[in-house]
C-alpha atoms as a PDB file:
ATOM      1  CA  MET A   1     -35.781  32.845 -46.893  1.00  0.00           C
ATOM      2  CA  ILE A   2     -35.871  32.937 -43.097  1.00  0.00           C
ATOM      3  CA  TRP A   3     -37.480  29.468 -42.958  1.00  0.00           C
ATOM      4  CA  LYS A   4     -34.875  28.148 -45.364  1.00  0.00           C
ATOM      5  CA  SER A   5     -32.069  29.488 -43.158  1.00  0.00           C
ATOM      6  CA  LEU A   6     -33.642  28.005 -40.031  1.00  0.00           C
ATOM      7  CA  TRP A   7     -34.098  24.623 -41.707  1.00  0.00           C
ATOM      8  CA  LEU A   8     -30.490  24.638 -42.948  1.00  0.00           C
ATOM      9  CA  SER A   9     -29.266  25.602 -39.475  1.00  0.00           C
ATOM     10  CA  MET A  10     -31.293  22.803 -37.815  1.00  0.00           C
ATOM     11  CA  PHE A  11     -30.116  20.277 -40.397  1.00  0.00           C
ATOM     12  CA  THR A  12     -26.447  21.258 -39.916  1.00  0.00           C
ATOM     13  CA  CYS A  13     -26.661  21.152 -36.112  1.00  0.00           C
ATOM     14  CA  GLY A  14     -28.492  17.839 -36.211  1.00  0.00           C
ATOM     15  CA  TYR A  15     -25.915  16.378 -38.563  1.00  0.00           C
ATOM     16  CA  ILE A  16     -23.014  17.505 -36.342  1.00  0.00           C
ATOM     17  CA  HIS A  17     -24.818  16.178 -33.268  1.00  0.00           C
ATOM     18  CA  LEU A  18     -25.429  12.852 -35.042  1.00  0.00           C
ATOM     19  CA  ILE A  19     -21.749  12.522 -35.917  1.00  0.00           C
ATOM     20  CA  ALA A  20     -20.717  13.305 -32.326  1.00  0.00           C
ATOM     21  CA  CYS A  21     -23.205  10.811 -30.905  1.00  0.00           C
ATOM     22  CA  SER A  22     -22.387   8.127 -33.425  1.00  0.00           C
ATOM     23  CA  ASN A  23     -18.856   7.715 -32.068  1.00  0.00           C
ATOM     24  CA  PRO A  24     -19.246   4.910 -29.505  1.00  0.00           C
ATOM     25  CA  ALA A  25     -15.533   4.978 -28.607  1.00  0.00           C
ATOM     26  CA  GLN A  26     -15.861   8.589 -27.517  1.00  0.00           C
ATOM     27  CA  ASN A  27     -18.901   7.776 -25.368  1.00  0.00           C
ATOM     28  CA  ILE A  28     -17.211   4.759 -23.790  1.00  0.00           C
ATOM     29  CA  LYS A  29     -14.113   6.829 -23.084  1.00  0.00           C
ATOM     30  CA  LYS A  30     -16.251   9.466 -21.391  1.00  0.00           C
ATOM     31  CA  LYS A  31     -17.947   6.835 -19.246  1.00  0.00           C
ATOM     32  CA  ILE A  32     -14.583   5.379 -18.243  1.00  0.00           C
ATOM     33  CA  ILE A  33     -13.287   8.831 -17.368  1.00  0.00           C
ATOM     34  CA  ASP A  34     -16.447   9.596 -15.399  1.00  0.00           C
ATOM     35  CA  ASN A  35     -16.241   6.269 -13.564  1.00  0.00           C
ATOM     36  CA  LYS A  36     -12.576   6.792 -12.777  1.00  0.00           C
ATOM     37  CA  ILE A  37     -13.286  10.224 -11.360  1.00  0.00           C
ATOM     38  CA  MET A  38     -16.103   8.767  -9.283  1.00  0.00           C
ATOM     39  CA  LEU A  39     -13.862   5.992  -7.963  1.00  0.00           C
ATOM     40  CA  ASP A  40     -10.971   8.351  -7.227  1.00  0.00           C
ATOM     41  CA  THR A  41     -13.166  10.725  -5.247  1.00  0.00           C
ATOM     42  CA  ASN A  42     -15.099   7.990  -3.476  1.00  0.00           C
ATOM     43  CA  TYR A  43     -12.609   7.898  -0.593  1.00  0.00           C
ATOM     44  CA  GLN A  44     -11.398  11.062   1.090  1.00  0.00           C
ATOM     45  CA  LYS A  45      -7.819  10.751   2.291  1.00  0.00           C
ATOM     46  CA  ILE A  46      -6.894  11.910   5.783  1.00  0.00           C
ATOM     47  CA  GLY A  47      -3.594  13.345   7.022  1.00  0.00           C
ATOM     48  CA  TYR A  48      -1.325  10.307   7.243  1.00  0.00           C
ATOM     49  CA  ASP A  49       1.415  11.588   9.556  1.00  0.00           C
ATOM     50  CA  THR A  50      -0.952  13.168  12.082  1.00  0.00           C
ATOM     51  CA  THR A  51      -3.131  10.037  12.055  1.00  0.00           C
ATOM     52  CA  ILE A  52      -0.160   7.738  12.788  1.00  0.00           C
ATOM     53  CA  LEU A  53       0.859  10.018  15.683  1.00  0.00           C
ATOM     54  CA  LEU A  54      -2.720   9.951  17.003  1.00  0.00           C
ATOM     55  CA  ILE A  55      -2.772   6.144  16.771  1.00  0.00           C
ATOM     56  CA  ASP A  56       0.556   5.998  18.623  1.00  0.00           C
ATOM     57  CA  LYS A  57      -0.880   8.130  21.413  1.00  0.00           C
ATOM     58  CA  LYS A  58      -4.017   5.992  21.639  1.00  0.00           C
ATOM     59  CA  CYS A  59      -1.880   2.865  21.744  1.00  0.00           C
ATOM     60  CA  GLU A  60       0.372   3.895  24.633  1.00  0.00           C
ATOM     61  CA  THR A  61      -0.954   1.090  26.842  1.00  0.00           C
ATOM     62  CA  CYS A  62      -1.530  -1.527  24.126  1.00  0.00           C
ATOM     63  CA  GLU A  63      -0.142  -4.919  25.115  1.00  0.00           C
ATOM     64  CA  THR A  64      -0.218  -6.459  21.641  1.00  0.00           C
ATOM     65  CA  TRP A  65       0.111  -5.041  18.165  1.00  0.00           C
ATOM     66  CA  ASP A  66      -3.264  -6.485  17.176  1.00  0.00           C
ATOM     67  CA  ALA A  67      -4.797  -4.024  19.650  1.00  0.00           C
ATOM     68  CA  LEU A  68      -4.412  -1.502  16.821  1.00  0.00           C
ATOM     69  CA  PHE A  69      -7.599  -2.975  15.362  1.00  0.00           C
ATOM     70  CA  ALA A  70      -9.523  -1.403  18.247  1.00  0.00           C
ATOM     71  CA  ILE A  71      -8.538   2.067  16.995  1.00  0.00           C
ATOM     72  CA  LYS A  72     -10.867   3.391  14.282  1.00  0.00           C
ATOM     73  CA  GLU A  73      -8.232   5.711  12.799  1.00  0.00           C
ATOM     74  CA  PHE A  74      -5.914   2.757  12.304  1.00  0.00           C
ATOM     75  CA  ILE A  75      -8.640   0.704  10.628  1.00  0.00           C
ATOM     76  CA  ASP A  76      -9.240   3.585   8.223  1.00  0.00           C
ATOM     77  CA  LEU A  77      -5.582   3.591   7.133  1.00  0.00           C
ATOM     78  CA  TYR A  78      -5.358  -0.199   7.092  1.00  0.00           C
ATOM     79  CA  GLU A  79      -8.478  -0.685   4.951  1.00  0.00           C
ATOM     80  CA  HIS A  80      -7.383   2.011   2.494  1.00  0.00           C
ATOM     81  CA  SER A  81      -3.639   1.397   2.609  1.00  0.00           C
ATOM     82  CA  SER A  82      -3.220   1.559  -1.172  1.00  0.00           C
ATOM     83  CA  PHE A  83      -4.127   5.259  -1.043  1.00  0.00           C
ATOM     84  CA  TYR A  84      -1.241   5.952   1.336  1.00  0.00           C
ATOM     85  CA  ILE A  85       1.814   4.257  -0.218  1.00  0.00           C
ATOM     86  CA  ALA A  86       3.619   7.533  -0.964  1.00  0.00           C
ATOM     87  CA  ASP A  87       2.724   8.871   2.498  1.00  0.00           C
ATOM     88  CA  ALA A  88       4.072   5.732   4.177  1.00  0.00           C
ATOM     89  CA  LEU A  89       7.354   5.902   2.241  1.00  0.00           C
ATOM     90  CA  LEU A  90       7.837   9.503   3.347  1.00  0.00           C
ATOM     91  CA  PHE A  91       6.888   8.689   6.939  1.00  0.00           C
ATOM     92  CA  ILE A  92       9.396   5.840   7.219  1.00  0.00           C
ATOM     93  CA  SER A  93      12.089   8.107   5.775  1.00  0.00           C
ATOM     94  CA  ASN A  94      11.445  10.905   8.279  1.00  0.00           C
ATOM     95  CA  ASP A  95      13.921  10.927  11.174  1.00  0.00           C
ATOM     96  CA  ARG A  96      11.455  12.845  13.351  1.00  0.00           C
ATOM     97  CA  TYR A  97       9.492   9.658  13.952  1.00  0.00           C
ATOM     98  CA  ASN A  98      10.540   6.876  16.330  1.00  0.00           C
ATOM     99  CA  ASP A  99      10.696   3.107  15.809  1.00  0.00           C
ATOM    100  CA  LYS A 100       7.272   2.436  17.295  1.00  0.00           C
ATOM    101  CA  GLN A 101       5.631   4.998  15.044  1.00  0.00           C
ATOM    102  CA  LYS A 102       7.376   3.565  11.995  1.00  0.00           C
ATOM    103  CA  LYS A 103       6.210   0.082  12.991  1.00  0.00           C
ATOM    104  CA  ILE A 104       2.630   1.375  13.191  1.00  0.00           C
ATOM    105  CA  CYS A 105       3.155   2.783   9.705  1.00  0.00           C
ATOM    106  CA  ILE A 106       4.291  -0.633   8.453  1.00  0.00           C
ATOM    107  CA  CYS A 107       1.303  -2.278  10.161  1.00  0.00           C
ATOM    108  CA  SER A 108      -1.024   0.122   8.365  1.00  0.00           C
ATOM    109  CA  MET A 109       0.380  -1.073   5.030  1.00  0.00           C
ATOM    110  CA  GLN A 110      -0.384  -4.759   5.492  1.00  0.00           C
ATOM    111  CA  LYS A 111      -3.497  -4.705   3.340  1.00  0.00           C
ATOM    112  CA  THR A 112      -1.858  -3.127   0.325  1.00  0.00           C
ATOM    113  CA  THR A 113      -0.818  -5.024  -2.804  1.00  0.00           C
ATOM    114  CA  LEU A 114       2.248  -7.235  -2.774  1.00  0.00           C
ATOM    115  CA  ASP A 115       4.013  -4.987  -5.313  1.00  0.00           C
ATOM    116  CA  ASP A 116       3.405  -1.876  -3.223  1.00  0.00           C
ATOM    117  CA  TYR A 117       4.558  -3.622  -0.073  1.00  0.00           C
ATOM    118  CA  ILE A 118       7.749  -4.785  -1.776  1.00  0.00           C
ATOM    119  CA  ASN A 119       8.428  -1.129  -2.582  1.00  0.00           C
ATOM    120  CA  ILE A 120       8.054  -0.313   1.106  1.00  0.00           C
ATOM    121  CA  LEU A 121      10.388  -3.158   2.068  1.00  0.00           C
ATOM    122  CA  ARG A 122      12.934  -2.036  -0.536  1.00  0.00           C
ATOM    123  CA  LYS A 123      12.791   1.492   0.883  1.00  0.00           C
ATOM    124  CA  CYS A 124      13.404   0.116   4.369  1.00  0.00           C
ATOM    125  CA  GLN A 125      16.485  -1.718   3.153  1.00  0.00           C
ATOM    126  CA  ILE A 126      17.863   1.460   1.557  1.00  0.00           C
ATOM    127  CA  LEU A 127      17.169   3.435   4.729  1.00  0.00           C
ATOM    128  CA  TYR A 128      18.792   0.771   6.901  1.00  0.00           C
ATOM    129  CA  ASP A 129      21.909   0.754   4.732  1.00  0.00           C
ATOM    130  CA  SER A 130      22.214   4.508   5.178  1.00  0.00           C
ATOM    131  CA  ASP A 131      21.645   4.251   8.971  1.00  0.00           C
ATOM    132  CA  ALA A 132      18.314   6.091   8.643  1.00  0.00           C
ATOM    133  CA  ILE A 133      16.234   3.341  10.318  1.00  0.00           C
ATOM    134  CA  SER A 134      17.050   0.705  12.895  1.00  0.00           C
ATOM    135  CA  GLU A 135      17.524  -3.034  12.460  1.00  0.00           C
ATOM    136  CA  ASP A 136      14.313  -3.495  14.432  1.00  0.00           C
ATOM    137  CA  VAL A 137      12.251  -1.560  11.871  1.00  0.00           C
ATOM    138  CA  LEU A 138      13.817  -3.408   8.920  1.00  0.00           C
ATOM    139  CA  GLU A 139      13.086  -6.780  10.528  1.00  0.00           C
ATOM    140  CA  TRP A 140       9.525  -5.644  11.263  1.00  0.00           C
ATOM    141  CA  ALA A 141       9.064  -4.734   7.599  1.00  0.00           C
ATOM    142  CA  VAL A 142      10.242  -8.207   6.539  1.00  0.00           C
ATOM    143  CA  SER A 143       7.974 -10.068   8.919  1.00  0.00           C
ATOM    144  CA  PRO A 144       5.812  -8.000  11.281  1.00  0.00           C
ATOM    145  CA  ASN A 145       4.315  -9.766  14.266  1.00  0.00           C
ATOM    146  CA  PHE A 146       0.922  -8.359  13.397  1.00  0.00           C
ATOM    147  CA  SER A 147      -2.411  -9.551  11.958  1.00  0.00           C
ATOM    148  CA  ASN A 148      -2.500 -12.636   9.748  1.00  0.00           C
ATOM    149  CA  ARG A 149      -1.554 -11.108   6.404  1.00  0.00           C
ATOM    150  CA  TYR A 150       2.137 -12.156   6.312  1.00  0.00           C
ATOM    151  CA  LEU A 151       2.526 -10.536   2.895  1.00  0.00           C
ATOM    152  CA  ILE A 152       6.181 -11.464   2.445  1.00  0.00           C
ATOM    153  CA  VAL A 153       6.176 -14.790   4.288  1.00  0.00           C
ATOM    154  CA  ARG A 154       3.135 -16.313   2.565  1.00  0.00           C
ATOM    155  CA  ASN A 155       4.369 -15.245  -0.872  1.00  0.00           C
ATOM    156  CA  PHE A 156       7.848 -16.710  -0.478  1.00  0.00           C
ATOM    157  CA  LYS A 157       7.550 -18.582  -3.810  1.00  0.00           C
ATOM    158  CA  GLU A 158       6.966 -15.374  -5.790  1.00  0.00           C
ATOM    159  CA  GLU A 159      10.065 -14.402  -7.774  1.00  0.00           C
ATOM    160  CA  LYS A 160       9.771 -10.719  -6.836  1.00  0.00           C
ATOM    161  CA  VAL A 161       9.612 -11.623  -3.143  1.00  0.00           C
ATOM    162  CA  ARG A 162      12.612 -13.933  -3.404  1.00  0.00           C
ATOM    163  CA  LYS A 163      14.535 -11.209  -5.222  1.00  0.00           C
ATOM    164  CA  ILE A 164      14.107  -8.569  -2.513  1.00  0.00           C
ATOM    165  CA  LEU A 165      14.715 -11.091   0.283  1.00  0.00           C
ATOM    166  CA  ASN A 166      17.920 -12.288  -1.366  1.00  0.00           C
ATOM    167  CA  GLN A 167      19.063  -8.687  -1.753  1.00  0.00           C
ATOM    168  CA  ILE A 168      18.572  -8.082   1.965  1.00  0.00           C
ATOM    169  CA  HIS A 169      20.168 -11.427   2.843  1.00  0.00           C
ATOM    170  CA  GLU A 170      23.273 -10.734   0.737  1.00  0.00           C
ATOM    171  CA  ASP A 171      23.660  -7.219   2.104  1.00  0.00           C
ATOM    172  CA  GLN A 172      26.769  -7.083   4.312  1.00  0.00           C
ATOM    173  CA  LYS A 173      25.001  -4.797   6.785  1.00  0.00           C
ATOM    174  CA  THR A 174      22.118  -7.194   7.395  1.00  0.00           C
ATOM    175  CA  PRO A 175      22.471  -8.694  10.905  1.00  0.00           C
ATOM    176  CA  PRO A 176      22.851 -12.504  11.280  1.00  0.00           C
ATOM    177  CA  GLN A 177      19.519 -12.874  13.112  1.00  0.00           C
ATOM    178  CA  LEU A 178      17.609 -11.309  10.231  1.00  0.00           C
ATOM    179  CA  LYS A 179      19.545 -13.373   7.702  1.00  0.00           C
ATOM    180  CA  GLU A 180      18.425 -16.536   9.524  1.00  0.00           C
ATOM    181  CA  LYS A 181      14.811 -15.384   9.451  1.00  0.00           C
ATOM    182  CA  ILE A 182      15.079 -14.677   5.716  1.00  0.00           C
ATOM    183  CA  GLU A 183      16.473 -18.176   5.172  1.00  0.00           C
ATOM    184  CA  ASP A 184      13.468 -19.592   7.043  1.00  0.00           C
ATOM    185  CA  ILE A 185      11.138 -17.539   4.835  1.00  0.00           C
ATOM    186  CA  LEU A 186      12.826 -18.542   1.570  1.00  0.00           C
ATOM    187  CA  SER A 187      12.743 -22.227   2.496  1.00  0.00           C
ATOM    188  CA  GLY A 188       9.028 -22.032   3.351  1.00  0.00           C
ATOM    189  CA  ALA A 189       9.731 -23.199   6.902  1.00  0.00           C
ATOM    190  CA  LEU A 190       8.440 -20.021   8.558  1.00  0.00           C
ATOM    191  CA  TRP A 191       5.180 -20.134   6.593  1.00  0.00           C
ATOM    192  CA  GLU A 192       4.671 -23.788   7.534  1.00  0.00           C
ATOM    193  CA  ASN A 193       5.291 -22.948  11.212  1.00  0.00           C
ATOM    194  CA  ILE A 194       2.787 -20.095  11.082  1.00  0.00           C
ATOM    195  CA  LYS A 195       0.133 -22.289   9.465  1.00  0.00           C
ATOM    196  CA  ALA A 196       0.735 -25.026  12.042  1.00  0.00           C
ATOM    197  CA  SER A 197       0.458 -22.596  14.941  1.00  0.00           C
ATOM    198  CA  GLU A 198      -2.827 -21.273  13.563  1.00  0.00           C
ATOM    199  CA  GLY A 199      -4.207 -24.756  13.001  1.00  0.00           C
ATOM    200  CA  ASN A 200      -4.174 -24.605   9.198  1.00  0.00           C
END
């Protein structure tokens, strides 16, 4: 009787185990979840605000914006910019930070996706319209004089880029100088000038 009970128990457990293991969708899902967790924890985020302030301090004597690439903390943010979109949006919105610090923030976002960067640019327009950031910061967000990414300028043919640029251009608060730059971007003239100056 005992052996019969043990055999029945083993058979039942084996059958349940077989059913669980015979569901490939469940196994694939688990692998995807495991991989996602691994990818998400692969990079450890650092404090964004304090890092930007540290970079600003280290860059007190920098003569060009590209000198930021000599600062390891900046490279960390720049190379992992997609992890810091929400942090950057909050930083730009914070009136405790000055124009230079907000420009460093924008520089650190140059390696993010085009969609994410458009969100940053849109936020800058909203902040400018409410007098929360300066004209200088808004213009820097449109076309920063930094690195060779030119996210907005090089993608001037993209409909989503043209949409946000036209919104800024048609805004009554946008200064004439920035409107002229936007016209040069939309026509492709600025991108052609950049390529010519870089020998491309």
